[in-house]
């Protein structure tokens, strides 16, 4: 009788200690697709350093982009900071629409190469 109790306890412990894994197949099927990254070129009309936004004119239309710490910003091959951008600089912005009519900049290329390298890198 002791052997049976011991076997039942051992079996119960084995069942309770077996890891249970969730079925991720339903979650992966409903996971949202990666946002589509687009590109647009224009001239800086406004810089908001406090709100981390840059507005550019594209064919007489203004588009505002949010700039995050993940946004890569370049002038030619050199990485620069957001504060190195200036109004009237020509830019190319790679972005995605994070919400309807809310644009998040992924990468910014400042095409004003006449400014040279004024960063301390």
PDB file of N, CA and C in Angstrom:
ATOM      1  N   UNK A   1       0.813  -1.176   0.000  1.00  0.00           N
ATOM      2  CA  UNK A   1       0.000   0.000   0.000  1.00  0.00           C
ATOM      3  C   UNK A   1       0.870   1.259   0.000  1.00  0.00           C
ATOM      4  N   UNK A   2       2.004   1.192   0.730  1.00  0.00           N
ATOM      5  CA  UNK A   2       2.897   2.338   0.754  1.00  0.00           C
ATOM      6  C   UNK A   2       3.471   2.601  -0.627  1.00  0.00           C
ATOM      7  N   UNK A   3       3.748   1.529  -1.377  1.00  0.00           N
ATOM      8  CA  UNK A   3       4.318   1.688  -2.714  1.00  0.00           C
ATOM      9  C   UNK A   3       3.318   2.353  -3.654  1.00  0.00           C
ATOM     10  N   UNK A   4       2.045   2.004  -3.498  1.00  0.00           N
ATOM     11  CA  UNK A   4       1.013   2.592  -4.349  1.00  0.00           C
ATOM     12  C   UNK A   4       0.880   4.083  -4.030  1.00  0.00           C
ATOM     13  N   UNK A   5       0.849   4.453  -2.749  1.00  0.00           N
ATOM     14  CA  UNK A   5       0.754   5.858  -2.366  1.00  0.00           C
ATOM     15  C   UNK A   5       1.956   6.638  -2.890  1.00  0.00           C
ATOM     16  N   UNK A   6       3.131   6.029  -2.770  1.00  0.00           N
ATOM     17  CA  UNK A   6       4.345   6.679  -3.243  1.00  0.00           C
ATOM     18  C   UNK A   6       4.297   6.882  -4.761  1.00  0.00           C
ATOM     19  N   UNK A   7       3.796   5.875  -5.470  1.00  0.00           N
ATOM     20  CA  UNK A   7       3.682   5.963  -6.921  1.00  0.00           C
ATOM     21  C   UNK A   7       2.686   7.047  -7.324  1.00  0.00           C
ATOM     22  N   UNK A   8       1.558   7.148  -6.601  1.00  0.00           N
ATOM     23  CA  UNK A   8       0.539   8.154  -6.901  1.00  0.00           C
ATOM     24  C   UNK A   8       1.099   9.550  -6.629  1.00  0.00           C
ATOM     25  N   UNK A   9       1.794   9.706  -5.527  1.00  0.00           N
ATOM     26  CA  UNK A   9       2.400  11.004  -5.207  1.00  0.00           C
ATOM     27  C   UNK A   9       3.423  11.376  -6.265  1.00  0.00           C
ATOM     28  N   UNK A  10       4.264  10.428  -6.647  1.00  0.00           N
ATOM     29  CA  UNK A  10       5.283  10.690  -7.661  1.00  0.00           C
ATOM     30  C   UNK A  10       4.631  11.065  -8.991  1.00  0.00           C
ATOM     31  N   UNK A  11       3.590  10.324  -9.386  1.00  0.00           N
ATOM     32  CA  UNK A  11       2.883  10.612 -10.630  1.00  0.00           C
ATOM     33  C   UNK A  11       2.220  11.981 -10.586  1.00  0.00           C
ATOM     34  N   UNK A  12       1.598  12.326  -9.464  1.00  0.00           N
ATOM     35  CA  UNK A  12       0.958  13.633  -9.317  1.00  0.00           C
ATOM     36  C   UNK A  12       1.978  14.750  -9.416  1.00  0.00           C
ATOM     37  N   UNK A  13       3.124  14.546  -8.784  1.00  0.00           N
ATOM     38  CA  UNK A  13       4.186  15.547  -8.857  1.00  0.00           C
ATOM     39  C   UNK A  13       4.681  15.713 -10.295  1.00  0.00           C
ATOM     40  N   UNK A  14       4.840  14.586 -10.996  1.00  0.00           N
ATOM     41  CA  UNK A  14       5.326  14.625 -12.371  1.00  0.00           C
ATOM     42  C   UNK A  14       4.345  15.378 -13.273  1.00  0.00           C
ATOM     43  N   UNK A  15       3.043  15.142 -13.084  1.00  0.00           N
ATOM     44  CA  UNK A  15       2.025  15.808 -13.901  1.00  0.00           C
ATOM     45  C   UNK A  15       1.984  17.300 -13.589  1.00  0.00           C
ATOM     46  N   UNK A  16       2.040  17.636 -12.310  1.00  0.00           N
ATOM     47  CA  UNK A  16       1.961  19.050 -11.927  1.00  0.00           C
ATOM     48  C   UNK A  16       3.205  19.842 -12.302  1.00  0.00           C
ATOM     49  N   UNK A  17       4.330  19.180 -12.398  1.00  0.00           N
ATOM     50  CA  UNK A  17       5.556  19.910 -12.717  1.00  0.00           C
ATOM     51  C   UNK A  17       5.857  19.948 -14.211  1.00  0.00           C
ATOM     52  N   UNK A  18       5.016  19.355 -15.026  1.00  0.00           N
ATOM     53  CA  UNK A  18       5.206  19.378 -16.467  1.00  0.00           C
ATOM     54  C   UNK A  18       4.853  20.766 -16.998  1.00  0.00           C
ATOM     55  N   UNK A  19       5.750  21.395 -17.726  1.00  0.00           N
ATOM     56  CA  UNK A  19       5.455  22.738 -18.236  1.00  0.00           C
ATOM     57  C   UNK A  19       4.332  22.701 -19.258  1.00  0.00           C
ATOM     58  N   UNK A  20       3.536  23.736 -19.246  1.00  0.00           N
ATOM     59  CA  UNK A  20       2.435  23.876 -20.190  1.00  0.00           C
ATOM     60  C   UNK A  20       2.781  25.029 -21.120  1.00  0.00           C
ATOM     61  N   UNK A  21       2.732  24.800 -22.406  1.00  0.00           N
ATOM     62  CA  UNK A  21       3.062  25.819 -23.397  1.00  0.00           C
ATOM     63  C   UNK A  21       1.792  26.263 -24.093  1.00  0.00           C
ATOM     64  N   UNK A  22       1.660  27.578 -24.242  1.00  0.00           N
ATOM     65  CA  UNK A  22       0.497  28.132 -24.938  1.00  0.00           C
ATOM     66  C   UNK A  22       0.644  27.896 -26.429  1.00  0.00           C
ATOM     67  N   UNK A  23      -0.471  27.748 -27.081  1.00  0.00           N
ATOM     68  CA  UNK A  23      -0.485  27.582 -28.529  1.00  0.00           C
ATOM     69  C   UNK A  23      -0.419  28.961 -29.162  1.00  0.00           C
ATOM     70  N   UNK A  24       0.724  29.312 -29.733  1.00  0.00           N
ATOM     71  CA  UNK A  24       0.923  30.626 -30.325  1.00  0.00           C
ATOM     72  C   UNK A  24       0.427  30.715 -31.760  1.00  0.00           C
ATOM     73  N   UNK A  25      -0.085  29.638 -32.305  1.00  0.00           N
ATOM     74  CA  UNK A  25      -0.476  29.647 -33.712  1.00  0.00           C
ATOM     75  C   UNK A  25      -1.591  30.644 -33.979  1.00  0.00           C
ATOM     76  N   UNK A  26      -2.544  30.789 -33.068  1.00  0.00           N
ATOM     77  CA  UNK A  26      -3.628  31.751 -33.272  1.00  0.00           C
ATOM     78  C   UNK A  26      -3.103  33.175 -33.171  1.00  0.00           C
ATOM     79  N   UNK A  27      -2.184  33.424 -32.224  1.00  0.00           N
ATOM     80  CA  UNK A  27      -1.643  34.767 -32.055  1.00  0.00           C
ATOM     81  C   UNK A  27      -0.813  35.191 -33.260  1.00  0.00           C
ATOM     82  N   UNK A  28       0.010  34.297 -33.784  1.00  0.00           N
ATOM     83  CA  UNK A  28       0.866  34.667 -34.907  1.00  0.00           C
ATOM     84  C   UNK A  28       0.053  34.923 -36.169  1.00  0.00           C
ATOM     85  N   UNK A  29      -1.071  34.258 -36.300  1.00  0.00           N
ATOM     86  CA  UNK A  29      -1.904  34.473 -37.477  1.00  0.00           C
ATOM     87  C   UNK A  29      -2.589  35.832 -37.411  1.00  0.00           C
ATOM     88  N   UNK A  30      -2.880  36.327 -36.207  1.00  0.00           N
ATOM     89  CA  UNK A  30      -3.579  37.594 -36.094  1.00  0.00           C
ATOM     90  C   UNK A  30      -2.637  38.759 -35.791  1.00  0.00           C
ATOM     91  N   UNK A  31      -1.334  38.496 -35.728  1.00  0.00           N
ATOM     92  CA  UNK A  31      -0.371  39.568 -35.459  1.00  0.00           C
ATOM     93  C   UNK A  31      -0.391  40.569 -36.607  1.00  0.00           C
ATOM     94  N   UNK A  32      -0.353  41.865 -36.279  1.00  0.00           N
ATOM     95  CA  UNK A  32      -0.389  42.864 -37.350  1.00  0.00           C
ATOM     96  C   UNK A  32       0.879  42.824 -38.191  1.00  0.00           C
ATOM     97  N   UNK A  33       0.709  43.131 -39.441  1.00  0.00           N
ATOM     98  CA  UNK A  33       1.858  43.159 -40.356  1.00  0.00           C
ATOM     99  C   UNK A  33       2.737  44.361 -40.024  1.00  0.00           C
ATOM    100  N   UNK A  34       3.992  44.264 -40.375  1.00  0.00           N
ATOM    101  CA  UNK A  34       4.919  45.378 -40.159  1.00  0.00           C
ATOM    102  C   UNK A  34       4.450  46.570 -40.987  1.00  0.00           C
ATOM    103  N   UNK A  35       4.566  47.773 -40.435  1.00  0.00           N
ATOM    104  CA  UNK A  35       4.104  48.943 -41.185  1.00  0.00           C
ATOM    105  C   UNK A  35       4.935  49.161 -42.443  1.00  0.00           C
ATOM    106  N   UNK A  36       4.294  49.668 -43.467  1.00  0.00           N
ATOM    107  CA  UNK A  36       4.969  49.949 -44.733  1.00  0.00           C
ATOM    108  C   UNK A  36       5.784  51.229 -44.601  1.00  0.00           C
ATOM    109  N   UNK A  37       7.078  51.142 -44.894  1.00  0.00           N
ATOM    110  CA  UNK A  37       7.948  52.318 -44.836  1.00  0.00           C
ATOM    111  C   UNK A  37       7.925  52.990 -46.198  1.00  0.00           C
ATOM    112  N   UNK A  38       7.674  54.294 -46.182  1.00  0.00           N
ATOM    113  CA  UNK A  38       7.616  55.095 -47.405  1.00  0.00           C
ATOM    114  C   UNK A  38       8.695  56.160 -47.356  1.00  0.00           C
ATOM    115  N   UNK A  39       8.879  56.854 -48.463  1.00  0.00           N
ATOM    116  CA  UNK A  39       9.903  57.888 -48.544  1.00  0.00           C
ATOM    117  C   UNK A  39       9.322  59.107 -49.262  1.00  0.00           C
ATOM    118  N   UNK A  40       9.704  60.301 -48.768  1.00  0.00           N
ATOM    119  CA  UNK A  40       9.260  61.539 -49.397  1.00  0.00           C
ATOM    120  C   UNK A  40      10.374  62.573 -49.232  1.00  0.00           C
ATOM    121  N   UNK A  41      10.481  63.459 -50.216  1.00  0.00           N
ATOM    122  CA  UNK A  41      11.490  64.525 -50.159  1.00  0.00           C
ATOM    123  C   UNK A  41      10.801  65.874 -50.168  1.00  0.00           C
ATOM    124  N   UNK A  42      11.406  66.819 -49.433  1.00  0.00           N
ATOM    125  CA  UNK A  42      10.853  68.159 -49.372  1.00  0.00           C
ATOM    126  C   UNK A  42      11.816  69.091 -48.661  1.00  0.00           C
ATOM    127  N   UNK A  43      11.337  70.286 -48.349  1.00  0.00           N
ATOM    128  CA  UNK A  43      12.138  71.332 -47.704  1.00  0.00           C
ATOM    129  C   UNK A  43      11.589  71.563 -46.297  1.00  0.00           C
ATOM    130  N   UNK A  44      12.493  71.652 -45.306  1.00  0.00           N
ATOM    131  CA  UNK A  44      12.046  71.887 -43.930  1.00  0.00           C
ATOM    132  C   UNK A  44      11.389  73.258 -43.832  1.00  0.00           C
ATOM    133  N   UNK A  45      10.149  73.290 -43.336  1.00  0.00           N
ATOM    134  CA  UNK A  45       9.455  74.555 -43.105  1.00  0.00           C
ATOM    135  C   UNK A  45       9.367  74.871 -41.622  1.00  0.00           C
ATOM    136  N   UNK A  46       9.453  73.835 -40.769  1.00  0.00           N
ATOM    137  CA  UNK A  46       9.354  74.077 -39.332  1.00  0.00           C
ATOM    138  C   UNK A  46      10.028  72.946 -38.563  1.00  0.00           C
ATOM    139  N   UNK A  47      10.735  73.336 -37.495  1.00  0.00           N
ATOM    140  CA  UNK A  47      11.361  72.373 -36.586  1.00  0.00           C
ATOM    141  C   UNK A  47      10.824  72.616 -35.184  1.00  0.00           C
ATOM    142  N   UNK A  48      10.368  71.561 -34.537  1.00  0.00           N
ATOM    143  CA  UNK A  48       9.889  71.640 -33.154  1.00  0.00           C
ATOM    144  C   UNK A  48      10.804  70.755 -32.316  1.00  0.00           C
ATOM    145  N   UNK A  49      11.831  71.372 -31.702  1.00  0.00           N
ATOM    146  CA  UNK A  49      12.805  70.608 -30.942  1.00  0.00           C
ATOM    147  C   UNK A  49      12.215  70.097 -29.632  1.00  0.00           C
ATOM    148  N   UNK A  50      11.256  70.817 -29.064  1.00  0.00           N
ATOM    149  CA  UNK A  50      10.628  70.382 -27.811  1.00  0.00           C
ATOM    150  C   UNK A  50       9.708  69.197 -28.074  1.00  0.00           C
ATOM    151  N   UNK A  51       8.894  69.293 -29.105  1.00  0.00           N
ATOM    152  CA  UNK A  51       7.956  68.221 -29.442  1.00  0.00           C
ATOM    153  C   UNK A  51       8.544  67.144 -30.329  1.00  0.00           C
ATOM    154  N   UNK A  52       9.811  67.299 -30.712  1.00  0.00           N
ATOM    155  CA  UNK A  52      10.506  66.352 -31.591  1.00  0.00           C
ATOM    156  C   UNK A  52       9.738  66.098 -32.878  1.00  0.00           C
ATOM    157  N   UNK A  53       9.474  67.183 -33.604  1.00  0.00           N
ATOM    158  CA  UNK A  53       8.753  67.082 -34.880  1.00  0.00           C
ATOM    159  C   UNK A  53       9.453  67.933 -35.927  1.00  0.00           C
ATOM    160  N   UNK A  54       9.384  67.469 -37.167  1.00  0.00           N
ATOM    161  CA  UNK A  54       9.891  68.224 -38.297  1.00  0.00           C
ATOM    162  C   UNK A  54       8.774  68.280 -39.342  1.00  0.00           C
ATOM    163  N   UNK A  55       8.566  69.474 -39.898  1.00  0.00           N
ATOM    164  CA  UNK A  55       7.545  69.670 -40.927  1.00  0.00           C
ATOM    165  C   UNK A  55       8.250  70.047 -42.214  1.00  0.00           C
ATOM    166  N   UNK A  56       7.870  69.373 -43.293  1.00  0.00           N
ATOM    167  CA  UNK A  56       8.461  69.679 -44.592  1.00  0.00           C
ATOM    168  C   UNK A  56       7.364  70.047 -45.586  1.00  0.00           C
ATOM    169  N   UNK A  57       7.752  70.868 -46.570  1.00  0.00           N
ATOM    170  CA  UNK A  57       6.870  71.213 -47.682  1.00  0.00           C
ATOM    171  C   UNK A  57       7.143  70.255 -48.821  1.00  0.00           C
ATOM    172  N   UNK A  58       6.076  69.630 -49.294  1.00  0.00           N
ATOM    173  CA  UNK A  58       6.157  68.719 -50.434  1.00  0.00           C
ATOM    174  C   UNK A  58       5.084  69.160 -51.422  1.00  0.00           C
ATOM    175  N   UNK A  59       5.519  69.749 -52.535  1.00  0.00           N
ATOM    176  CA  UNK A  59       4.566  70.207 -53.557  1.00  0.00           C
ATOM    177  C   UNK A  59       3.440  71.043 -52.945  1.00  0.00           C
ATOM    178  N   UNK A  60       3.791  72.058 -52.173  1.00  0.00           N
ATOM    179  CA  UNK A  60       2.853  72.980 -51.529  1.00  0.00           C
ATOM    180  C   UNK A  60       1.970  72.329 -50.463  1.00  0.00           C
ATOM    181  N   UNK A  61       2.335  71.141 -50.019  1.00  0.00           N
ATOM    182  CA  UNK A  61       1.639  70.461 -48.931  1.00  0.00           C
ATOM    183  C   UNK A  61       2.615  70.287 -47.782  1.00  0.00           C
ATOM    184  N   UNK A  62       2.163  70.568 -46.566  1.00  0.00           N
ATOM    185  CA  UNK A  62       3.018  70.386 -45.401  1.00  0.00           C
ATOM    186  C   UNK A  62       2.739  69.031 -44.757  1.00  0.00           C
ATOM    187  N   UNK A  63       3.811  68.316 -44.433  1.00  0.00           N
ATOM    188  CA  UNK A  63       3.708  67.023 -43.751  1.00  0.00           C
ATOM    189  C   UNK A  63       4.593  67.092 -42.511  1.00  0.00           C
ATOM    190  N   UNK A  64       4.035  66.711 -41.364  1.00  0.00           N
ATOM    191  CA  UNK A  64       4.773  66.728 -40.107  1.00  0.00           C
ATOM    192  C   UNK A  64       5.109  65.301 -39.699  1.00  0.00           C
ATOM    193  N   UNK A  65       6.347  65.114 -39.282  1.00  0.00           N
ATOM    194  CA  UNK A  65       6.849  63.806 -38.862  1.00  0.00           C
ATOM    195  C   UNK A  65       7.306  63.876 -37.415  1.00  0.00           C
ATOM    196  N   UNK A  66       6.989  62.842 -36.642  1.00  0.00           N
ATOM    197  CA  UNK A  66       7.530  62.701 -35.289  1.00  0.00           C
ATOM    198  C   UNK A  66       8.921  62.104 -35.407  1.00  0.00           C
ATOM    199  N   UNK A  67       9.840  62.623 -34.606  1.00  0.00           N
ATOM    200  CA  UNK A  67      11.215  62.145 -34.602  1.00  0.00           C
ATOM    201  C   UNK A  67      11.487  61.553 -33.220  1.00  0.00           C
ATOM    202  N   UNK A  68      11.923  60.296 -33.178  1.00  0.00           N
ATOM    203  CA  UNK A  68      12.204  59.646 -31.898  1.00  0.00           C
ATOM    204  C   UNK A  68      13.700  59.429 -31.743  1.00  0.00           C
ATOM    205  N   UNK A  69      14.087  58.910 -30.596  1.00  0.00           N
ATOM    206  CA  UNK A  69      15.507  58.603 -30.376  1.00  0.00           C
ATOM    207  C   UNK A  69      15.978  57.480 -31.295  1.00  0.00           C
ATOM    208  N   UNK A  70      15.055  56.733 -31.879  1.00  0.00           N
ATOM    209  CA  UNK A  70      15.420  55.655 -32.803  1.00  0.00           C
ATOM    210  C   UNK A  70      15.606  56.150 -34.236  1.00  0.00           C
ATOM    211  N   UNK A  71      15.148  57.368 -34.528  1.00  0.00           N
ATOM    212  CA  UNK A  71      15.258  57.914 -35.883  1.00  0.00           C
ATOM    213  C   UNK A  71      16.723  58.157 -36.226  1.00  0.00           C
ATOM    214  N   UNK A  72      17.160  57.637 -37.360  1.00  0.00           N
ATOM    215  CA  UNK A  72      18.536  57.836 -37.824  1.00  0.00           C
ATOM    216  C   UNK A  72      18.561  59.096 -38.696  1.00  0.00           C
ATOM    217  N   UNK A  73      19.498  59.997 -38.409  1.00  0.00           N
ATOM    218  CA  UNK A  73      19.577  61.263 -39.139  1.00  0.00           C
ATOM    219  C   UNK A  73      20.984  61.402 -39.711  1.00  0.00           C
ATOM    220  N   UNK A  74      21.053  61.675 -41.014  1.00  0.00           N
ATOM    221  CA  UNK A  74      22.339  61.766 -41.713  1.00  0.00           C
ATOM    222  C   UNK A  74      22.422  63.029 -42.543  1.00  0.00           C
ATOM    223  N   UNK A  75      23.631  63.519 -42.709  1.00  0.00           N
ATOM    224  CA  UNK A  75      23.953  64.528 -43.725  1.00  0.00           C
ATOM    225  C   UNK A  75      25.070  63.892 -44.534  1.00  0.00           C
ATOM    226  N   UNK A  76      24.738  63.475 -45.737  1.00  0.00           N
ATOM    227  CA  UNK A  76      25.689  62.671 -46.510  1.00  0.00           C
ATOM    228  C   UNK A  76      25.905  61.358 -45.763  1.00  0.00           C
ATOM    229  N   UNK A  77      27.154  60.909 -45.644  1.00  0.00           N
ATOM    230  CA  UNK A  77      27.408  59.648 -44.942  1.00  0.00           C
ATOM    231  C   UNK A  77      27.538  59.812 -43.419  1.00  0.00           C
ATOM    232  N   UNK A  78      27.544  61.054 -42.923  1.00  0.00           N
ATOM    233  CA  UNK A  78      27.775  61.320 -41.494  1.00  0.00           C
ATOM    234  C   UNK A  78      26.469  61.360 -40.708  1.00  0.00           C
ATOM    235  N   UNK A  79      26.461  60.691 -39.569  1.00  0.00           N
ATOM    236  CA  UNK A  79      25.322  60.780 -38.652  1.00  0.00           C
ATOM    237  C   UNK A  79      25.352  62.145 -37.970  1.00  0.00           C
ATOM    238  N   UNK A  80      24.193  62.787 -37.896  1.00  0.00           N
ATOM    239  CA  UNK A  80      24.075  64.075 -37.216  1.00  0.00           C
ATOM    240  C   UNK A  80      22.921  63.995 -36.230  1.00  0.00           C
ATOM    241  N   UNK A  81      22.771  65.013 -35.407  1.00  0.00           N
ATOM    242  CA  UNK A  81      21.668  65.063 -34.457  1.00  0.00           C
ATOM    243  C   UNK A  81      20.486  65.842 -35.003  1.00  0.00           C
ATOM    244  N   UNK A  82      19.355  65.672 -34.351  1.00  0.00           N
ATOM    245  CA  UNK A  82      18.139  66.395 -34.727  1.00  0.00           C
ATOM    246  C   UNK A  82      18.373  67.903 -34.674  1.00  0.00           C
ATOM    247  N   UNK A  83      19.160  68.363 -33.699  1.00  0.00           N
ATOM    248  CA  UNK A  83      19.421  69.802 -33.549  1.00  0.00           C
ATOM    249  C   UNK A  83      20.289  70.360 -34.669  1.00  0.00           C
ATOM    250  N   UNK A  84      20.916  69.501 -35.469  1.00  0.00           N
ATOM    251  CA  UNK A  84      21.749  69.952 -36.588  1.00  0.00           C
ATOM    252  C   UNK A  84      20.931  70.276 -37.837  1.00  0.00           C
ATOM    253  N   UNK A  85      19.652  69.937 -37.837  1.00  0.00           N
ATOM    254  CA  UNK A  85      18.783  70.274 -38.963  1.00  0.00           C
ATOM    255  C   UNK A  85      18.426  71.751 -38.887  1.00  0.00           C
ATOM    256  N   UNK A  86      18.147  72.351 -40.037  1.00  0.00           N
ATOM    257  CA  UNK A  86      17.794  73.767 -40.076  1.00  0.00           C
ATOM    258  C   UNK A  86      16.666  73.990 -41.084  1.00  0.00           C
ATOM    259  N   UNK A  87      15.867  75.027 -40.830  1.00  0.00           N
ATOM    260  CA  UNK A  87      14.807  75.368 -41.774  1.00  0.00           C
ATOM    261  C   UNK A  87      15.409  75.616 -43.147  1.00  0.00           C
ATOM    262  N   UNK A  88      14.657  75.256 -44.167  1.00  0.00           N
ATOM    263  CA  UNK A  88      15.017  75.366 -45.589  1.00  0.00           C
ATOM    264  C   UNK A  88      16.010  74.305 -46.044  1.00  0.00           C
ATOM    265  N   UNK A  89      16.427  73.394 -45.172  1.00  0.00           N
ATOM    266  CA  UNK A  89      17.256  72.266 -45.618  1.00  0.00           C
ATOM    267  C   UNK A  89      16.402  71.311 -46.443  1.00  0.00           C
ATOM    268  N   UNK A  90      16.935  70.820 -47.550  1.00  0.00           N
ATOM    269  CA  UNK A  90      16.225  69.782 -48.298  1.00  0.00           C
ATOM    270  C   UNK A  90      16.409  68.440 -47.589  1.00  0.00           C
ATOM    271  N   UNK A  91      15.310  67.708 -47.410  1.00  0.00           N
ATOM    272  CA  UNK A  91      15.349  66.428 -46.700  1.00  0.00           C
ATOM    273  C   UNK A  91      14.703  65.321 -47.505  1.00  0.00           C
ATOM    274  N   UNK A  92      15.129  64.113 -47.220  1.00  0.00           N
ATOM    275  CA  UNK A  92      14.392  62.923 -47.623  1.00  0.00           C
ATOM    276  C   UNK A  92      14.072  62.189 -46.335  1.00  0.00           C
ATOM    277  N   UNK A  93      12.792  61.881 -46.130  1.00  0.00           N
ATOM    278  CA  UNK A  93      12.345  61.242 -44.898  1.00  0.00           C
ATOM    279  C   UNK A  93      11.772  59.874 -45.231  1.00  0.00           C
ATOM    280  N   UNK A  94      12.287  58.848 -44.556  1.00  0.00           N
ATOM    281  CA  UNK A  94      11.683  57.517 -44.600  1.00  0.00           C
ATOM    282  C   UNK A  94      10.801  57.427 -43.373  1.00  0.00           C
ATOM    283  N   UNK A  95       9.548  56.999 -43.542  1.00  0.00           N
ATOM    284  CA  UNK A  95       8.584  57.053 -42.458  1.00  0.00           C
ATOM    285  C   UNK A  95       7.545  55.947 -42.595  1.00  0.00           C
ATOM    286  N   UNK A  96       6.781  55.759 -41.516  1.00  0.00           N
ATOM    287  CA  UNK A  96       5.609  54.901 -41.574  1.00  0.00           C
ATOM    288  C   UNK A  96       4.465  55.627 -40.865  1.00  0.00           C
ATOM    289  N   UNK A  97       3.258  55.210 -41.182  1.00  0.00           N
ATOM    290  CA  UNK A  97       2.071  55.817 -40.579  1.00  0.00           C
ATOM    291  C   UNK A  97       1.715  54.997 -39.343  1.00  0.00           C
ATOM    292  N   UNK A  98       2.009  55.542 -38.138  1.00  0.00           N
ATOM    293  CA  UNK A  98       1.777  54.800 -36.900  1.00  0.00           C
ATOM    294  C   UNK A  98       0.303  54.787 -36.515  1.00  0.00           C
ATOM    295  N   UNK A  99      -0.423  55.803 -36.889  1.00  0.00           N
ATOM    296  CA  UNK A  99      -1.871  55.922 -36.735  1.00  0.00           C
ATOM    297  C   UNK A  99      -2.351  56.679 -37.962  1.00  0.00           C
ATOM    298  N   UNK A 100      -3.649  56.717 -38.200  1.00  0.00           N
ATOM    299  CA  UNK A 100      -4.106  57.500 -39.347  1.00  0.00           C
ATOM    300  C   UNK A 100      -3.615  58.953 -39.256  1.00  0.00           C
ATOM    301  N   UNK A 101      -2.903  59.389 -40.271  1.00  0.00           N
ATOM    302  CA  UNK A 101      -2.352  60.736 -40.403  1.00  0.00           C
ATOM    303  C   UNK A 101      -1.325  61.098 -39.327  1.00  0.00           C
ATOM    304  N   UNK A 102      -0.698  60.104 -38.701  1.00  0.00           N
ATOM    305  CA  UNK A 102       0.411  60.320 -37.759  1.00  0.00           C
ATOM    306  C   UNK A 102       1.621  59.603 -38.348  1.00  0.00           C
ATOM    307  N   UNK A 103       2.645  60.393 -38.696  1.00  0.00           N
ATOM    308  CA  UNK A 103       3.798  59.857 -39.411  1.00  0.00           C
ATOM    309  C   UNK A 103       5.030  59.838 -38.505  1.00  0.00           C
ATOM    310  N   UNK A 104       5.660  58.670 -38.419  1.00  0.00           N
ATOM    311  CA  UNK A 104       6.852  58.472 -37.591  1.00  0.00           C
ATOM    312  C   UNK A 104       8.073  58.353 -38.499  1.00  0.00           C
ATOM    313  N   UNK A 105       9.050  59.244 -38.322  1.00  0.00           N
ATOM    314  CA  UNK A 105      10.267  59.205 -39.135  1.00  0.00           C
ATOM    315  C   UNK A 105      11.143  58.037 -38.683  1.00  0.00           C
ATOM    316  N   UNK A 106      11.598  57.251 -39.633  1.00  0.00           N
ATOM    317  CA  UNK A 106      12.527  56.149 -39.375  1.00  0.00           C
ATOM    318  C   UNK A 106      13.948  56.630 -39.656  1.00  0.00           C
ATOM    319  N   UNK A 107      14.114  57.348 -40.764  1.00  0.00           N
ATOM    320  CA  UNK A 107      15.419  57.878 -41.157  1.00  0.00           C
ATOM    321  C   UNK A 107      15.210  59.218 -41.862  1.00  0.00           C
ATOM    322  N   UNK A 108      16.145  60.132 -41.616  1.00  0.00           N
ATOM    323  CA  UNK A 108      16.117  61.445 -42.253  1.00  0.00           C
ATOM    324  C   UNK A 108      17.474  61.683 -42.895  1.00  0.00           C
ATOM    325  N   UNK A 109      17.453  62.042 -44.174  1.00  0.00           N
ATOM    326  CA  UNK A 109      18.684  62.409 -44.875  1.00  0.00           C
ATOM    327  C   UNK A 109      18.624  63.889 -45.186  1.00  0.00           C
ATOM    328  N   UNK A 110      19.526  64.654 -44.558  1.00  0.00           N
ATOM    329  CA  UNK A 110      19.634  66.083 -44.837  1.00  0.00           C
ATOM    330  C   UNK A 110      20.478  66.210 -46.094  1.00  0.00           C
ATOM    331  N   UNK A 111      19.862  66.691 -47.164  1.00  0.00           N
ATOM    332  CA  UNK A 111      20.536  66.762 -48.456  1.00  0.00           C
ATOM    333  C   UNK A 111      21.266  68.077 -48.669  1.00  0.00           C
ATOM    334  N   UNK A 112      21.382  68.904 -47.610  1.00  0.00           N
ATOM    335  CA  UNK A 112      22.112  70.160 -47.699  1.00  0.00           C
ATOM    336  C   UNK A 112      23.586  69.888 -47.437  1.00  0.00           C
ATOM    337  N   UNK A 113      24.256  69.342 -48.433  1.00  0.00           N
ATOM    338  CA  UNK A 113      25.648  68.933 -48.283  1.00  0.00           C
ATOM    339  C   UNK A 113      26.601  70.111 -48.262  1.00  0.00           C
ATOM    340  N   UNK A 114      26.136  71.324 -48.592  1.00  0.00           N
ATOM    341  CA  UNK A 114      26.995  72.506 -48.547  1.00  0.00           C
ATOM    342  C   UNK A 114      27.384  72.877 -47.125  1.00  0.00           C
ATOM    343  N   UNK A 115      26.647  72.365 -46.147  1.00  0.00           N
ATOM    344  CA  UNK A 115      26.952  72.703 -44.760  1.00  0.00           C
ATOM    345  C   UNK A 115      28.182  72.009 -44.257  1.00  0.00           C
ATOM    346  N   UNK A 116      28.611  70.975 -44.934  1.00  0.00           N
ATOM    347  CA  UNK A 116      29.808  70.233 -44.503  1.00  0.00           C
ATOM    348  C   UNK A 116      29.576  69.530 -43.192  1.00  0.00           C
ATOM    349  N   UNK A 117      30.645  69.205 -42.518  1.00  0.00           N
ATOM    350  CA  UNK A 117      30.574  68.483 -41.261  1.00  0.00           C
ATOM    351  C   UNK A 117      30.771  69.467 -40.121  1.00  0.00           C
ATOM    352  N   UNK A 118      29.654  69.928 -39.550  1.00  0.00           N
ATOM    353  CA  UNK A 118      29.768  70.854 -38.428  1.00  0.00           C
ATOM    354  C   UNK A 118      29.522  70.162 -37.099  1.00  0.00           C
ATOM    355  N   UNK A 119      29.581  68.826 -37.114  1.00  0.00           N
ATOM    356  CA  UNK A 119      29.400  68.074 -35.877  1.00  0.00           C
ATOM    357  C   UNK A 119      30.753  67.721 -35.301  1.00  0.00           C
ATOM    358  N   UNK A 120      30.792  67.423 -34.056  1.00  0.00           N
ATOM    359  CA  UNK A 120      32.048  67.057 -33.381  1.00  0.00           C
ATOM    360  C   UNK A 120      32.184  65.554 -33.254  1.00  0.00           C
ATOM    361  N   UNK A 121      32.091  64.840 -34.354  1.00  0.00           N
ATOM    362  CA  UNK A 121      32.212  63.380 -34.314  1.00  0.00           C
ATOM    363  C   UNK A 121      33.536  62.918 -34.782  1.00  0.00           C
TER     364      UNK A 121
END
